[in-house]
Amino acid sequence: MSLLIPTRTFQDVMHAEFSWNWDDTMINASGVSTDFKTAAAHVVDCIPLPAGAVVLGGGLEVLTTFATVSTYAVIVGDSASTNRYLSTADRKAAASTVALVPTGYVSLGENIRLTITPTGSDATAGKATLRVSYVVNGRATGSQIT
């Protein structure tokens, strides 16, 4: 049996963000160049997380409407669970912010993954930002000893 004592260390919350425009290109999860405007599924690993990371929160903010598309579906997850943090929904409207749903999942080092599926015509405008706040289990960045 161990004698426990109060913790004397703390950890800062880390924040990462990924922004994209309708006409940006990126190497997708399959290693192929893809763009964010065409009416097809785009799967990109956009925020690398270290092993032991736990997502505390975050959100998806649409800054500029994704124009001319019928829908602009966005899912946020990782390689183990496509929709771990945000289930699919049409996210084409500007000024909409939707919160991620932290699950308490302790990452094995999977990257945050976006799955974006525009439908209808190709997009002719649009911009969004994904923000993620997380901590890493067992990491200490300071001491509270007084």
C-alpha atoms as a PDB file:
ATOM      1  CA  MET A   1       0.000   0.000   0.000  1.00  0.00           C
ATOM      2  CA  SER A   2       1.328   3.449  -0.921  1.00  0.00           C
ATOM      3  CA  LEU A   3       1.060   6.652   1.046  1.00  0.00           C
ATOM      4  CA  LEU A   4      -0.293   9.242  -1.365  1.00  0.00           C
ATOM      5  CA  ILE A   5       0.563  12.921  -1.213  1.00  0.00           C
ATOM      6  CA  PRO A   6      -1.009  15.887  -3.030  1.00  0.00           C
ATOM      7  CA  THR A   7       0.448  16.670  -6.416  1.00  0.00           C
ATOM      8  CA  ARG A   8       2.876  19.566  -6.581  1.00  0.00           C
ATOM      9  CA  THR A   9       3.233  19.829 -10.320  1.00  0.00           C
ATOM     10  CA  PHE A  10       0.991  21.259 -12.992  1.00  0.00           C
ATOM     11  CA  GLN A  11       0.703  21.186 -16.748  1.00  0.00           C
ATOM     12  CA  ASP A  12      -0.246  23.950 -19.129  1.00  0.00           C
ATOM     13  CA  VAL A  13      -3.059  23.213 -21.564  1.00  0.00           C
ATOM     14  CA  MET A  14      -1.782  23.108 -25.143  1.00  0.00           C
ATOM     15  CA  HIS A  15      -3.701  24.570 -28.049  1.00  0.00           C
ATOM     16  CA  ALA A  16      -3.342  23.797 -31.738  1.00  0.00           C
ATOM     17  CA  GLU A  17      -5.244  25.064 -34.730  1.00  0.00           C
ATOM     18  CA  PHE A  18      -5.609  24.228 -38.391  1.00  0.00           C
ATOM     19  CA  SER A  19      -7.145  26.662 -40.885  1.00  0.00           C
ATOM     20  CA  TRP A  20      -8.080  26.044 -44.491  1.00  0.00           C
ATOM     21  CA  ASN A  21      -9.515  27.918 -47.455  1.00  0.00           C
ATOM     22  CA  TRP A  22     -11.772  26.449 -50.129  1.00  0.00           C
ATOM     23  CA  ASP A  23      -8.934  26.554 -52.712  1.00  0.00           C
ATOM     24  CA  ASP A  24      -6.129  25.101 -50.525  1.00  0.00           C
ATOM     25  CA  THR A  25      -4.523  21.759 -51.296  1.00  0.00           C
ATOM     26  CA  MET A  26      -2.966  19.252 -48.909  1.00  0.00           C
ATOM     27  CA  ILE A  27      -1.568  15.729 -48.920  1.00  0.00           C
ATOM     28  CA  ASN A  28      -4.428  13.530 -47.693  1.00  0.00           C
ATOM     29  CA  ALA A  29      -4.312  10.528 -45.336  1.00  0.00           C
ATOM     30  CA  SER A  30      -3.598   8.262 -48.331  1.00  0.00           C
ATOM     31  CA  GLY A  31      -0.573  10.325 -49.415  1.00  0.00           C
ATOM     32  CA  VAL A  32      -2.261  11.957 -52.416  1.00  0.00           C
ATOM     33  CA  SER A  33      -2.680  15.687 -53.061  1.00  0.00           C
ATOM     34  CA  THR A  34      -6.283  16.784 -52.545  1.00  0.00           C
ATOM     35  CA  ASP A  35      -8.119  20.094 -52.521  1.00  0.00           C
ATOM     36  CA  PHE A  36     -10.891  21.254 -50.230  1.00  0.00           C
ATOM     37  CA  LYS A  37     -13.333  22.466 -52.888  1.00  0.00           C
ATOM     38  CA  THR A  38     -14.262  19.516 -55.091  1.00  0.00           C
ATOM     39  CA  ALA A  39     -17.350  17.419 -54.427  1.00  0.00           C
ATOM     40  CA  ALA A  40     -15.546  14.378 -53.046  1.00  0.00           C
ATOM     41  CA  ALA A  41     -14.444  13.126 -49.637  1.00  0.00           C
ATOM     42  CA  HIS A  42     -11.214  14.678 -48.371  1.00  0.00           C
ATOM     43  CA  VAL A  43      -9.539  12.958 -45.400  1.00  0.00           C
ATOM     44  CA  VAL A  44      -6.564  14.842 -43.938  1.00  0.00           C
ATOM     45  CA  ASP A  45      -4.503  14.445 -40.782  1.00  0.00           C
ATOM     46  CA  CYS A  46      -4.245  18.056 -39.648  1.00  0.00           C
ATOM     47  CA  ILE A  47      -3.092  18.215 -36.005  1.00  0.00           C
ATOM     48  CA  PRO A  48      -0.511  15.721 -34.726  1.00  0.00           C
ATOM     49  CA  LEU A  49      -1.055  14.617 -31.135  1.00  0.00           C
ATOM     50  CA  PRO A  50       1.558  12.911 -28.971  1.00  0.00           C
ATOM     51  CA  ALA A  51       0.866   9.593 -27.293  1.00  0.00           C
ATOM     52  CA  GLY A  52      -0.911  10.197 -23.988  1.00  0.00           C
ATOM     53  CA  ALA A  53      -2.757  13.299 -25.210  1.00  0.00           C
ATOM     54  CA  VAL A  54      -6.307  13.885 -23.993  1.00  0.00           C
ATOM     55  CA  VAL A  55      -8.470  16.367 -25.907  1.00  0.00           C
ATOM     56  CA  LEU A  56     -10.144  18.744 -23.443  1.00  0.00           C
ATOM     57  CA  GLY A  57     -12.097  20.816 -25.927  1.00  0.00           C
ATOM     58  CA  GLY A  58     -11.987  22.929 -29.008  1.00  0.00           C
ATOM     59  CA  GLY A  59     -14.224  23.840 -31.851  1.00  0.00           C
ATOM     60  CA  LEU A  60     -14.784  24.265 -35.544  1.00  0.00           C
ATOM     61  CA  GLU A  61     -15.421  27.816 -36.718  1.00  0.00           C
ATOM     62  CA  VAL A  62     -16.567  28.664 -40.230  1.00  0.00           C
ATOM     63  CA  LEU A  63     -15.165  32.112 -40.993  1.00  0.00           C
ATOM     64  CA  THR A  64     -16.407  32.477 -44.589  1.00  0.00           C
ATOM     65  CA  THR A  65     -19.381  30.626 -46.095  1.00  0.00           C
ATOM     66  CA  PHE A  66     -18.459  27.713 -48.345  1.00  0.00           C
ATOM     67  CA  ALA A  67     -20.227  29.082 -51.425  1.00  0.00           C
ATOM     68  CA  THR A  68     -21.964  27.229 -54.288  1.00  0.00           C
ATOM     69  CA  VAL A  69     -21.810  23.815 -52.615  1.00  0.00           C
ATOM     70  CA  SER A  70     -25.050  22.103 -51.615  1.00  0.00           C
ATOM     71  CA  THR A  71     -23.497  20.944 -48.351  1.00  0.00           C
ATOM     72  CA  TYR A  72     -20.033  21.073 -46.794  1.00  0.00           C
ATOM     73  CA  ALA A  73     -20.024  18.171 -44.338  1.00  0.00           C
ATOM     74  CA  VAL A  74     -17.211  18.087 -41.766  1.00  0.00           C
ATOM     75  CA  ILE A  75     -16.284  15.312 -39.319  1.00  0.00           C
ATOM     76  CA  VAL A  76     -13.490  15.530 -36.702  1.00  0.00           C
ATOM     77  CA  GLY A  77     -11.874  12.391 -35.323  1.00  0.00           C
ATOM     78  CA  ASP A  78      -8.699  10.381 -35.718  1.00  0.00           C
ATOM     79  CA  SER A  79      -7.499   7.271 -37.535  1.00  0.00           C
ATOM     80  CA  ALA A  80      -9.110   5.004 -34.910  1.00  0.00           C
ATOM     81  CA  SER A  81     -12.516   6.745 -34.845  1.00  0.00           C
ATOM     82  CA  THR A  82     -13.553   9.014 -37.704  1.00  0.00           C
ATOM     83  CA  ASN A  83     -16.072  10.986 -35.604  1.00  0.00           C
ATOM     84  CA  ARG A  84     -14.550  10.818 -32.120  1.00  0.00           C
ATOM     85  CA  TYR A  85     -14.854  14.604 -31.536  1.00  0.00           C
ATOM     86  CA  LEU A  86     -17.470  15.873 -34.010  1.00  0.00           C
ATOM     87  CA  SER A  87     -20.109  13.983 -35.975  1.00  0.00           C
ATOM     88  CA  THR A  88     -20.958  14.840 -39.545  1.00  0.00           C
ATOM     89  CA  ALA A  89     -23.145  17.830 -40.296  1.00  0.00           C
ATOM     90  CA  ASP A  90     -23.366  20.538 -42.904  1.00  0.00           C
ATOM     91  CA  ARG A  91     -20.901  23.246 -41.850  1.00  0.00           C
ATOM     92  CA  LYS A  92     -21.022  25.569 -44.863  1.00  0.00           C
ATOM     93  CA  ALA A  93     -22.570  28.644 -43.147  1.00  0.00           C
ATOM     94  CA  ALA A  94     -20.287  31.444 -41.952  1.00  0.00           C
ATOM     95  CA  ALA A  95     -20.257  32.548 -38.313  1.00  0.00           C
ATOM     96  CA  SER A  96     -21.144  29.091 -37.109  1.00  0.00           C
ATOM     97  CA  THR A  97     -19.005  27.625 -34.357  1.00  0.00           C
ATOM     98  CA  VAL A  98     -19.524  24.129 -33.073  1.00  0.00           C
ATOM     99  CA  ALA A  99     -17.775  22.713 -30.007  1.00  0.00           C
ATOM    100  CA  LEU A 100     -15.822  19.483 -30.103  1.00  0.00           C
ATOM    101  CA  VAL A 101     -17.025  16.786 -27.749  1.00  0.00           C
ATOM    102  CA  PRO A 102     -14.095  15.608 -25.605  1.00  0.00           C
ATOM    103  CA  THR A 103     -14.394  11.916 -24.860  1.00  0.00           C
ATOM    104  CA  GLY A 104     -11.649  11.313 -22.286  1.00  0.00           C
ATOM    105  CA  TYR A 105      -9.873   9.153 -24.839  1.00  0.00           C
ATOM    106  CA  VAL A 106      -6.126   8.877 -24.196  1.00  0.00           C
ATOM    107  CA  SER A 107      -4.427   9.110 -27.580  1.00  0.00           C
ATOM    108  CA  LEU A 108      -1.978   6.483 -28.710  1.00  0.00           C
ATOM    109  CA  GLY A 109      -0.460   9.145 -30.962  1.00  0.00           C
ATOM    110  CA  GLU A 110      -3.219   9.328 -33.569  1.00  0.00           C
ATOM    111  CA  ASN A 111      -3.423  12.648 -35.404  1.00  0.00           C
ATOM    112  CA  ILE A 112      -6.581  14.744 -35.380  1.00  0.00           C
ATOM    113  CA  ARG A 113      -8.243  13.933 -38.685  1.00  0.00           C
ATOM    114  CA  LEU A 114     -10.710  15.984 -40.717  1.00  0.00           C
ATOM    115  CA  THR A 115     -13.101  14.354 -43.131  1.00  0.00           C
ATOM    116  CA  ILE A 116     -14.648  16.964 -45.413  1.00  0.00           C
ATOM    117  CA  THR A 117     -17.271  16.120 -48.017  1.00  0.00           C
ATOM    118  CA  PRO A 118     -18.608  18.927 -50.196  1.00  0.00           C
ATOM    119  CA  THR A 119     -21.635  17.970 -52.312  1.00  0.00           C
ATOM    120  CA  GLY A 120     -23.115  19.548 -55.430  1.00  0.00           C
ATOM    121  CA  SER A 121     -20.920  22.064 -57.243  1.00  0.00           C
ATOM    122  CA  ASP A 122     -17.300  22.840 -56.405  1.00  0.00           C
ATOM    123  CA  ALA A 123     -16.847  25.496 -53.721  1.00  0.00           C
ATOM    124  CA  THR A 124     -15.943  28.998 -54.916  1.00  0.00           C
ATOM    125  CA  ALA A 125     -15.295  30.525 -51.478  1.00  0.00           C
ATOM    126  CA  GLY A 126     -14.984  29.455 -47.861  1.00  0.00           C
ATOM    127  CA  LYS A 127     -12.655  29.371 -44.885  1.00  0.00           C
ATOM    128  CA  ALA A 128     -12.691  27.501 -41.576  1.00  0.00           C
ATOM    129  CA  THR A 129     -10.507  26.905 -38.526  1.00  0.00           C
ATOM    130  CA  LEU A 130     -10.342  23.857 -36.269  1.00  0.00           C
ATOM    131  CA  ARG A 131      -9.035  24.488 -32.740  1.00  0.00           C
ATOM    132  CA  VAL A 132      -8.055  21.738 -30.294  1.00  0.00           C
ATOM    133  CA  SER A 133      -7.043  22.059 -26.616  1.00  0.00           C
ATOM    134  CA  TYR A 134      -5.313  19.119 -24.962  1.00  0.00           C
ATOM    135  CA  VAL A 135      -3.022  17.917 -22.183  1.00  0.00           C
ATOM    136  CA  VAL A 136      -0.553  15.049 -22.193  1.00  0.00           C
ATOM    137  CA  ASN A 137      -0.814  12.503 -19.368  1.00  0.00           C
ATOM    138  CA  GLY A 138       2.249  12.397 -17.136  1.00  0.00           C
ATOM    139  CA  ARG A 139       3.654  15.699 -18.393  1.00  0.00           C
ATOM    140  CA  ALA A 140       4.533  18.451 -15.901  1.00  0.00           C
ATOM    141  CA  THR A 141       5.472  21.982 -16.942  1.00  0.00           C
ATOM    142  CA  GLY A 142       5.827  23.570 -13.532  1.00  0.00           C
ATOM    143  CA  SER A 143       5.813  23.151  -9.792  1.00  0.00           C
ATOM    144  CA  GLN A 144       3.369  24.512  -7.205  1.00  0.00           C
ATOM    145  CA  ILE A 145       5.707  24.169  -4.244  1.00  0.00           C
ATOM    146  CA  THR A 146       5.508  27.247  -2.054  1.00  0.00           C
END
